[in-house]
């Protein structure tokens, strides 16, 4: 231990949790692991018609988007399928269905989506509004780069009220949103979470399939039988690319799907995120030699997880962690006291940040003088965080200034440590 201050104090690690998830998943699944989404037929295809049911089967891919779903529909048509005699079924049983990553977050936040075995567009839908002579034109779409089909499975309407801005309800098995008309300007857009992702994916696939000439009935939910024929499949990027992207952009759904998949690969059947992270905690203790960290989920989107700086630095210091994280963490820029970028000849810093309201984390490695050091910094004002009303949790007052101070403290500590390692 080169330097420390309250190293055993446990605080919420926020998205620094994703470092642990990445180590765990890459070790268990392997760097080349791919998520697979499949289209299966329960019956032969005769004259372009499947003589039975058609199944859209998710494989837990967190990053499947509308364009990739369109590729799957196109591949089925290219294989000669133009219709079915039976049902169109969506199968999301690859992962447990979880309504929200963190139930204590406001329901409308796009970074707090539902989780399932069949996910689409990070389980978000794009809400767009434009003022008209008669009021507002409100639309929801499943946009990607090339395709932007409208989503009608989910309803939305404007209401005359002050707060809350968004309300969610589930009626007749479908998602319904209402938005306060007073919060809408002339036009705009934002992402809203999808609470029943398999249904959304089923509707979008049916729309896309129709464009390519494959006519399908309205989907049902179900589980594909073993005796089916694969018509088409879509494979995700290798796990290394998925992890690099996850750590760079800190996507919560990706972390949860990867963590749950790793736990299931070890032979467990988790019914919740906590059930999966208990397995991850055990794995960390047995394989990395660090005990005592408590994780409520795989993404860090909660203030209930607890880990100390010493525990996190210890996890990072293990040689297996260094090997699994090699090339995955993002470069971290060091700033001087004025906030200008510092030249760091002979020094490199890679790290993962984590931020919740009044909670901040930074952990990673720096190399200097031919030696490698792991570090972790956790900062929090839990009393201030606890006092935030639910309606203000998206952008509470004071959090921007607090976060700025925490970031400056991180920069000061890194500058201090670099000087410290230079001393004989």
Protein backbone atom coordinates (compact mmCIF):
# COMPACT_ATOMS: atom_id res chain seq x y z
CA UNK A 1 0.00 0.00 0.00
CA UNK A 2 1.66 3.19 -1.19
CA UNK A 3 -0.83 5.69 0.23
CA UNK A 4 -4.30 5.64 1.75
CA UNK A 5 -6.98 7.59 3.59
CA UNK A 6 -9.78 5.63 5.26
CA UNK A 7 -9.06 2.69 2.92
CA UNK A 8 -11.54 0.37 4.66
CA UNK A 9 -14.54 2.73 4.58
CA UNK A 10 -17.19 1.13 2.37
CA UNK A 11 -19.10 3.42 0.00
CA UNK A 12 -21.24 3.00 -3.12
CA UNK A 13 -18.89 2.27 -6.06
CA UNK A 14 -21.45 3.45 -8.66
CA UNK A 15 -20.34 2.48 -12.18
CA UNK A 16 -16.89 1.43 -10.99
CA UNK A 17 -18.85 -1.79 -10.31
CA UNK A 18 -18.65 -2.44 -14.06
CA UNK A 19 -14.90 -3.15 -13.66
CA UNK A 20 -15.69 -6.11 -11.41
CA UNK A 21 -18.44 -7.26 -13.78
CA UNK A 22 -16.04 -7.09 -16.73
CA UNK A 23 -13.38 -9.18 -14.95
CA UNK A 24 -16.00 -11.72 -13.85
CA UNK A 25 -17.69 -12.03 -17.24
CA UNK A 26 -14.54 -12.17 -19.36
CA UNK A 27 -13.05 -14.86 -17.16
CA UNK A 28 -16.24 -16.97 -17.14
CA UNK A 29 -17.46 -16.43 -20.71
CA UNK A 30 -14.21 -15.86 -22.59
CA UNK A 31 -13.14 -12.97 -24.81
CA UNK A 32 -14.80 -14.44 -27.96
CA UNK A 33 -18.24 -15.10 -26.45
CA UNK A 34 -21.12 -13.86 -28.62
CA UNK A 35 -24.79 -13.34 -27.82
CA UNK A 36 -27.04 -15.02 -30.39
CA UNK A 37 -30.57 -14.01 -31.41
CA UNK A 38 -32.34 -16.70 -33.46
CA UNK A 39 -35.40 -17.15 -35.64
CA UNK A 40 -36.74 -20.71 -35.32
CA UNK A 41 -39.48 -22.60 -37.14
CA UNK A 42 -41.53 -25.35 -35.51
CA UNK A 43 -42.35 -27.17 -38.72
CA UNK A 44 -41.16 -27.45 -42.30
CA UNK A 45 -41.38 -24.65 -44.84
CA UNK A 46 -43.61 -25.53 -47.81
CA UNK A 47 -43.93 -23.11 -50.75
CA UNK A 48 -42.57 -20.30 -48.54
CA UNK A 49 -44.97 -20.96 -45.64
CA UNK A 50 -43.81 -22.31 -42.27
CA UNK A 51 -46.16 -25.16 -41.38
CA UNK A 52 -46.29 -24.22 -37.70
CA UNK A 53 -45.11 -21.57 -35.26
CA UNK A 54 -42.30 -19.07 -35.74
CA UNK A 55 -40.13 -18.15 -32.72
CA UNK A 56 -38.01 -15.04 -32.21
CA UNK A 57 -35.62 -16.23 -29.51
CA UNK A 58 -33.46 -13.79 -27.57
CA UNK A 59 -30.05 -14.80 -26.27
CA UNK A 60 -29.63 -12.01 -23.76
CA UNK A 61 -27.92 -9.65 -26.22
CA UNK A 62 -27.98 -6.22 -24.53
CA UNK A 63 -27.03 -4.27 -27.65
CA UNK A 64 -29.37 -5.73 -30.29
CA UNK A 65 -30.83 -2.84 -32.27
CA UNK A 66 -33.55 -2.31 -34.86
CA UNK A 67 -31.16 -2.48 -37.82
CA UNK A 68 -29.85 -5.85 -36.63
CA UNK A 69 -33.40 -7.10 -36.15
CA UNK A 70 -34.05 -6.01 -39.74
CA UNK A 71 -31.08 -8.14 -40.85
CA UNK A 72 -32.70 -11.13 -39.15
CA UNK A 73 -36.00 -10.52 -40.95
CA UNK A 74 -34.21 -10.08 -44.28
CA UNK A 75 -32.26 -13.32 -43.78
CA UNK A 76 -35.49 -15.24 -43.17
CA UNK A 77 -37.01 -13.94 -46.40
CA UNK A 78 -33.78 -14.71 -48.26
CA UNK A 79 -34.15 -18.27 -46.96
CA UNK A 80 -37.53 -18.46 -48.71
CA UNK A 81 -39.94 -17.76 -45.82
CA UNK A 82 -42.90 -15.48 -46.62
CA UNK A 83 -45.55 -16.53 -44.12
CA UNK A 84 -46.56 -18.92 -41.35
CA UNK A 85 -49.56 -21.11 -40.56
CA UNK A 86 -49.12 -20.98 -36.78
CA UNK A 87 -48.31 -18.39 -34.17
CA UNK A 88 -45.54 -15.79 -34.03
CA UNK A 89 -43.94 -16.25 -30.59
CA UNK A 90 -41.31 -14.19 -28.76
CA UNK A 91 -39.08 -16.10 -26.35
CA UNK A 92 -37.30 -13.99 -23.73
CA UNK A 93 -36.48 -16.82 -21.32
CA UNK A 94 -32.69 -16.63 -21.78
CA UNK A 95 -32.46 -14.21 -18.84
CA UNK A 96 -34.80 -13.48 -15.92
CA UNK A 97 -37.36 -10.74 -16.49
CA UNK A 98 -36.48 -7.79 -14.20
CA UNK A 99 -38.67 -4.69 -14.23
CA UNK A 100 -36.03 -2.09 -13.28
CA UNK A 101 -32.34 -2.14 -12.49
CA UNK A 102 -32.89 0.16 -9.50
CA UNK A 103 -36.48 0.51 -8.20
CA UNK A 104 -35.47 3.65 -6.27
CA UNK A 105 -34.81 5.59 -9.49
CA UNK A 106 -37.58 7.59 -11.23
CA UNK A 107 -39.53 5.28 -13.53
CA UNK A 108 -38.99 7.37 -16.70
CA UNK A 109 -35.18 7.32 -16.81
CA UNK A 110 -33.83 5.66 -19.94
CA UNK A 111 -30.69 4.46 -18.14
CA UNK A 112 -32.86 2.44 -15.73
CA UNK A 113 -34.57 0.03 -18.16
CA UNK A 114 -36.07 -3.41 -17.73
CA UNK A 115 -33.99 -6.53 -18.39
CA UNK A 116 -34.85 -9.72 -20.22
CA UNK A 117 -33.58 -12.34 -22.60
CA UNK A 118 -34.85 -10.41 -25.65
CA UNK A 119 -33.75 -6.78 -25.55
CA UNK A 120 -33.95 -4.09 -28.24
CA UNK A 121 -32.29 -0.67 -28.47
CA UNK A 122 -31.13 -0.98 -24.85
CA UNK A 123 -34.81 -1.39 -23.95
CA UNK A 124 -35.61 2.19 -24.74
CA UNK A 125 -38.06 3.87 -27.10
CA UNK A 126 -37.62 7.36 -28.56
CA UNK A 127 -40.37 9.80 -27.56
CA UNK A 128 -40.78 12.73 -29.95
CA UNK A 129 -43.21 15.63 -29.65
CA UNK A 130 -44.16 18.59 -31.81
CA UNK A 131 -46.68 21.32 -31.11
CA UNK A 132 -49.53 21.66 -33.61
CA UNK A 133 -52.58 23.90 -33.97
CA UNK A 134 -54.67 21.28 -32.17
CA UNK A 135 -52.19 20.50 -29.40
CA UNK A 136 -49.27 18.07 -29.67
CA UNK A 137 -48.30 15.30 -32.04
CA UNK A 138 -46.69 12.58 -29.90
CA UNK A 139 -44.87 9.59 -31.38
CA UNK A 140 -42.76 6.69 -30.16
CA UNK A 141 -40.29 4.95 -32.43
CA UNK A 142 -37.64 2.21 -32.28
CA UNK A 143 -34.96 4.15 -34.08
CA UNK A 144 -31.55 2.93 -35.15
CA UNK A 145 -29.23 4.26 -37.86
CA UNK A 146 -31.16 2.98 -40.88
CA UNK A 147 -34.59 1.99 -39.55
CA UNK A 148 -37.06 4.01 -37.48
CA UNK A 149 -40.34 2.08 -37.22
CA UNK A 150 -43.15 3.55 -35.16
CA UNK A 151 -44.02 1.74 -31.93
CA UNK A 152 -47.74 1.37 -31.23
CA UNK A 153 -47.52 -1.38 -28.62
CA UNK A 154 -46.68 1.36 -26.12
CA UNK A 155 -49.10 4.25 -25.62
CA UNK A 156 -48.39 7.87 -24.72
CA UNK A 157 -50.59 10.92 -24.18
CA UNK A 158 -50.25 14.48 -22.87
CA UNK A 159 -52.15 15.52 -19.74
CA UNK A 160 -52.86 18.84 -18.07
CA UNK A 161 -50.86 18.69 -14.85
CA UNK A 162 -47.78 20.18 -13.24
CA UNK A 163 -45.91 17.23 -11.78
CA UNK A 164 -44.71 14.61 -12.21
CA UNK A 165 -43.55 15.14 -15.76
CA UNK A 166 -43.96 11.44 -16.62
CA UNK A 167 -46.30 8.77 -15.29
CA UNK A 168 -46.14 5.08 -16.16
CA UNK A 169 -48.87 2.46 -15.98
CA UNK A 170 -49.49 -1.02 -17.36
CA UNK A 171 -52.93 -1.63 -18.84
CA UNK A 172 -54.14 -4.70 -20.69
CA UNK A 173 -50.59 -6.02 -20.77
CA UNK A 174 -49.15 -2.92 -22.45
CA UNK A 175 -46.96 0.00 -21.37
CA UNK A 176 -48.68 3.38 -21.13
CA UNK A 177 -47.03 6.74 -20.52
CA UNK A 178 -48.47 10.14 -19.84
CA UNK A 179 -46.51 13.39 -19.96
CA UNK A 180 -47.31 16.75 -18.41
CA UNK A 181 -48.28 19.10 -21.23
CA UNK A 182 -46.74 22.00 -19.30
CA UNK A 183 -43.28 20.39 -19.58
CA UNK A 184 -43.34 20.23 -23.39
CA UNK A 185 -41.94 23.04 -25.50
CA UNK A 186 -42.56 23.51 -29.19
CA UNK A 187 -40.79 20.27 -30.10
CA UNK A 188 -38.22 17.86 -28.76
CA UNK A 189 -37.35 14.26 -28.04
CA UNK A 190 -35.91 11.95 -25.39
CA UNK A 191 -35.53 8.26 -24.64
CA UNK A 192 -38.00 6.49 -22.38
CA UNK A 193 -37.47 3.00 -20.93
CA UNK A 194 -39.40 -0.01 -22.19
CA UNK A 195 -40.84 -2.04 -19.34
CA UNK A 196 -41.87 -5.06 -21.43
CA UNK A 197 -38.97 -5.39 -23.87
CA UNK A 198 -39.94 -8.73 -25.45
CA UNK A 199 -43.31 -7.31 -26.53
CA UNK A 200 -41.68 -4.24 -28.00
CA UNK A 201 -39.18 -6.38 -29.91
CA UNK A 202 -41.98 -8.60 -31.16
CA UNK A 203 -43.94 -5.66 -32.56
CA UNK A 204 -40.87 -4.11 -34.18
CA UNK A 205 -39.84 -7.42 -35.78
CA UNK A 206 -43.34 -7.91 -37.18
CA UNK A 207 -43.21 -4.42 -38.72
CA UNK A 208 -39.77 -4.99 -40.22
CA UNK A 209 -40.68 -8.45 -41.50
CA UNK A 210 -43.69 -7.00 -43.32
CA UNK A 211 -41.41 -4.58 -45.18
CA UNK A 212 -39.39 -7.52 -46.48
CA UNK A 213 -42.48 -9.51 -47.47
CA UNK A 214 -42.90 -11.77 -44.43
CA UNK A 215 -46.42 -11.44 -43.05
CA UNK A 216 -46.83 -12.33 -39.37
CA UNK A 217 -49.70 -12.29 -36.88
CA UNK A 218 -49.50 -10.30 -33.65
CA UNK A 219 -46.92 -11.91 -31.40
CA UNK A 220 -47.47 -14.03 -28.31
CA UNK A 221 -45.05 -14.87 -25.52
CA UNK A 222 -43.74 -18.39 -25.12
CA UNK A 223 -40.74 -20.70 -24.99
CA UNK A 224 -39.37 -22.34 -28.12
CA UNK A 225 -39.48 -26.15 -28.10
CA UNK A 226 -36.31 -28.17 -28.66
CA UNK A 227 -37.53 -29.61 -31.94
CA UNK A 228 -37.23 -26.53 -34.16
CA UNK A 229 -35.30 -25.54 -37.27
CA UNK A 230 -33.11 -22.45 -37.30
CA UNK A 231 -34.03 -20.12 -40.16
CA UNK A 232 -31.69 -17.24 -39.33
CA UNK A 233 -29.50 -15.89 -36.58
CA UNK A 234 -27.74 -12.69 -35.56
CA UNK A 235 -24.53 -12.84 -33.53
CA UNK A 236 -23.25 -9.95 -31.44
CA UNK A 237 -19.72 -8.62 -31.52
CA UNK A 238 -17.17 -10.64 -29.51
CA UNK A 239 -17.33 -10.07 -25.76
CA UNK A 240 -14.11 -8.06 -25.71
CA UNK A 241 -15.67 -5.42 -27.98
CA UNK A 242 -18.87 -5.43 -25.93
CA UNK A 243 -16.92 -4.98 -22.68
CA UNK A 244 -14.76 -2.20 -24.11
CA UNK A 245 -17.89 -0.37 -25.22
CA UNK A 246 -19.62 -0.98 -21.89
CA UNK A 247 -16.71 0.42 -19.88
CA UNK A 248 -16.31 3.38 -22.21
CA UNK A 249 -19.97 4.43 -22.31
CA UNK A 250 -21.01 2.92 -18.96
CA UNK A 251 -24.17 1.30 -20.29
CA UNK A 252 -26.15 -0.22 -17.43
CA UNK A 253 -28.22 -2.78 -19.36
CA UNK A 254 -25.07 -4.20 -20.94
CA UNK A 255 -23.46 -4.74 -17.54
CA UNK A 256 -26.54 -6.47 -16.15
CA UNK A 257 -27.00 -8.81 -19.13
CA UNK A 258 -23.33 -9.75 -19.17
CA UNK A 259 -23.26 -10.38 -15.42
CA UNK A 260 -26.44 -12.48 -15.47
CA UNK A 261 -25.15 -14.51 -18.42
CA UNK A 262 -21.86 -15.24 -16.63
CA UNK A 263 -23.72 -16.38 -13.52
CA UNK A 264 -25.93 -18.72 -15.55
CA UNK A 265 -22.87 -20.09 -17.35
CA UNK A 266 -21.50 -21.11 -13.95
CA UNK A 267 -24.62 -23.25 -13.50
CA UNK A 268 -26.72 -20.96 -11.29
CA UNK A 269 -30.29 -19.82 -11.99
CA UNK A 270 -30.59 -16.26 -10.66
CA UNK A 271 -34.07 -14.82 -10.29
CA UNK A 272 -32.83 -11.33 -9.43
CA UNK A 273 -29.81 -9.10 -9.87
CA UNK A 274 -28.93 -9.55 -6.21
CA UNK A 275 -29.01 -13.32 -6.63
CA UNK A 276 -26.55 -13.02 -9.50
CA UNK A 277 -24.20 -10.63 -7.71
CA UNK A 278 -24.02 -12.94 -4.69
CA UNK A 279 -22.49 -15.48 -7.06
CA UNK A 280 -20.14 -12.79 -8.41
CA UNK A 281 -19.06 -11.85 -4.87
CA UNK A 282 -18.25 -15.49 -4.13
CA UNK A 283 -16.33 -15.75 -7.40
CA UNK A 284 -14.30 -12.61 -6.59
CA UNK A 285 -13.37 -14.01 -3.18
CA UNK A 286 -12.38 -17.43 -4.53
CA UNK A 287 -10.55 -16.23 -7.65
CA UNK A 288 -9.21 -12.77 -6.79
CA UNK A 289 -8.72 -13.21 -3.05
CA UNK A 290 -10.81 -10.18 -2.02
CA UNK A 291 -13.78 -10.64 0.32
CA UNK A 292 -16.33 -8.25 1.78
CA UNK A 293 -17.56 -6.31 -1.25
CA UNK A 294 -21.35 -6.14 -1.46
CA UNK A 295 -22.96 -5.58 -4.85
CA UNK A 296 -26.71 -5.15 -5.41
CA UNK A 297 -26.39 -5.31 -9.20
CA UNK A 298 -23.77 -5.60 -11.95
CA UNK A 299 -23.94 -1.99 -13.20
CA UNK A 300 -23.60 0.10 -10.05
CA UNK A 301 -26.93 1.89 -10.55
CA UNK A 302 -27.76 1.90 -6.83
CA UNK A 303 -26.48 3.40 -3.61
CA UNK A 304 -26.97 0.12 -1.73
CA UNK A 305 -23.77 -1.53 -2.98
CA UNK A 306 -20.74 -1.13 -0.74
CA UNK A 307 -17.03 -1.58 -1.38
CA UNK A 308 -13.92 0.00 0.08
CA UNK A 309 -11.05 1.61 -1.79
CA UNK A 310 -8.72 -1.07 -0.40
CA UNK A 311 -11.00 -3.85 -1.67
CA UNK A 312 -11.26 -2.34 -5.15
CA UNK A 313 -7.54 -1.63 -5.40
CA UNK A 314 -6.92 -5.20 -4.26
CA UNK A 315 -9.22 -6.59 -6.95
CA UNK A 316 -7.40 -4.54 -9.59
CA UNK A 317 -3.96 -5.54 -8.30
CA UNK A 318 -4.58 -9.25 -8.84
CA UNK A 319 -2.67 -10.48 -11.88
CA UNK A 320 -5.77 -12.18 -13.32
CA UNK A 321 -7.65 -8.87 -13.16
CA UNK A 322 -4.80 -7.11 -14.94
CA UNK A 323 -4.90 -9.76 -17.64
CA UNK A 324 -8.69 -9.66 -18.10
CA UNK A 325 -8.79 -5.84 -18.22
CA UNK A 326 -5.85 -5.45 -20.57
CA UNK A 327 -6.91 -3.16 -23.41
CA UNK A 328 -10.45 -2.63 -22.07
CA UNK A 329 -10.19 0.45 -19.85
CA UNK A 330 -10.31 3.96 -21.26
CA UNK A 331 -7.39 6.38 -21.05
CA UNK A 332 -7.81 8.91 -18.26
CA UNK A 333 -6.55 12.47 -18.80
CA UNK A 334 -4.60 14.10 -16.00
CA UNK A 335 -5.16 17.83 -15.47
CA UNK A 336 -3.10 20.45 -13.68
CA UNK A 337 -4.44 22.77 -10.97
CA UNK A 338 -5.81 25.16 -13.60
CA UNK A 339 -7.66 22.38 -15.36
CA UNK A 340 -5.34 22.17 -18.35
CA UNK A 341 -4.24 18.86 -19.83
CA UNK A 342 -0.88 17.74 -18.45
CA UNK A 343 1.87 16.20 -20.52
CA UNK A 344 2.61 12.75 -19.09
CA UNK A 345 5.80 11.49 -20.74
CA UNK A 346 6.48 7.97 -19.53
CA UNK A 347 3.14 7.79 -17.70
CA UNK A 348 -0.18 6.23 -18.64
CA UNK A 349 -3.46 6.19 -16.73
CA UNK A 350 -6.49 4.02 -17.55
CA UNK A 351 -9.58 4.08 -15.36
CA UNK A 352 -13.33 3.74 -14.96
CA UNK A 353 -15.44 6.50 -13.46
CA UNK A 354 -18.67 6.10 -11.55
CA UNK A 355 -21.22 8.79 -10.75
CA UNK A 356 -24.49 8.90 -8.86
CA UNK A 357 -25.98 11.99 -7.26
CA UNK A 358 -23.55 12.98 -4.47
CA UNK A 359 -21.55 9.79 -5.11
CA UNK A 360 -18.37 9.49 -7.15
CA UNK A 361 -15.84 6.76 -7.87
CA UNK A 362 -12.66 6.40 -9.89
CA UNK A 363 -10.54 3.26 -10.13
CA UNK A 364 -7.92 1.88 -12.46
CA UNK A 365 -4.17 1.74 -13.08
CA UNK A 366 -1.31 4.11 -13.66
CA UNK A 367 2.11 3.17 -14.94
CA UNK A 368 5.19 5.20 -14.12
CA UNK A 369 8.86 4.41 -14.28
CA UNK A 370 8.26 0.88 -15.51
CA UNK A 371 5.96 -0.01 -12.61
CA UNK A 372 2.20 -0.48 -12.53
CA UNK A 373 -0.04 0.69 -9.69
CA UNK A 374 -3.73 0.07 -9.02
CA UNK A 375 -5.81 2.77 -7.33
CA UNK A 376 -9.36 3.45 -6.19
CA UNK A 377 -11.03 6.64 -4.96
CA UNK A 378 -14.56 6.68 -3.54
CA UNK A 379 -16.35 9.81 -2.36
CA UNK A 380 -19.92 10.25 -1.17
CA UNK A 381 -22.28 12.43 0.84
CA UNK A 382 -24.90 9.80 1.63
CA UNK A 383 -26.92 12.05 3.92
CA UNK A 384 -27.33 14.63 1.14
CA UNK A 385 -28.18 11.89 -1.35
CA UNK A 386 -30.82 10.41 0.94
CA UNK A 387 -32.53 13.79 1.31
CA UNK A 388 -33.24 14.17 -2.44
CA UNK A 389 -37.01 13.96 -3.16
CA UNK A 390 -37.98 11.38 -5.79
CA UNK A 391 -39.14 14.11 -8.19
CA UNK A 392 -35.64 15.71 -8.18
CA UNK A 393 -33.50 12.57 -8.52
CA UNK A 394 -32.83 13.10 -12.22
CA UNK A 395 -31.12 16.50 -11.71
CA UNK A 396 -31.06 17.49 -8.01
CA UNK A 397 -29.77 20.95 -7.10
CA UNK A 398 -26.19 21.09 -5.86
CA UNK A 399 -25.01 17.84 -7.40
CA UNK A 400 -23.10 19.52 -10.26
CA UNK A 401 -20.93 21.58 -7.91
CA UNK A 402 -20.40 18.62 -5.60
CA UNK A 403 -19.36 16.41 -8.51
CA UNK A 404 -16.91 19.07 -9.69
CA UNK A 405 -15.21 19.10 -6.29
CA UNK A 406 -14.99 15.30 -6.26
CA UNK A 407 -13.37 15.30 -9.71
CA UNK A 408 -10.83 17.94 -8.66
CA UNK A 409 -10.01 15.84 -5.61
CA UNK A 410 -9.34 12.83 -7.86
CA UNK A 411 -7.00 14.86 -10.04
CA UNK A 412 -5.14 16.18 -6.98
CA UNK A 413 -4.70 12.66 -5.58
CA UNK A 414 -3.35 11.31 -8.87
CA UNK A 415 -0.87 14.19 -9.14
CA UNK A 416 0.17 13.53 -5.54
CA UNK A 417 0.67 9.81 -6.16
CA UNK A 418 2.72 10.36 -9.29
CA UNK A 419 5.05 12.64 -7.33
CA UNK A 420 5.17 10.11 -4.52
CA UNK A 421 6.30 7.24 -6.75
CA UNK A 422 9.05 9.45 -8.21
CA UNK A 423 10.68 9.91 -4.82
CA UNK A 424 13.65 7.61 -4.15
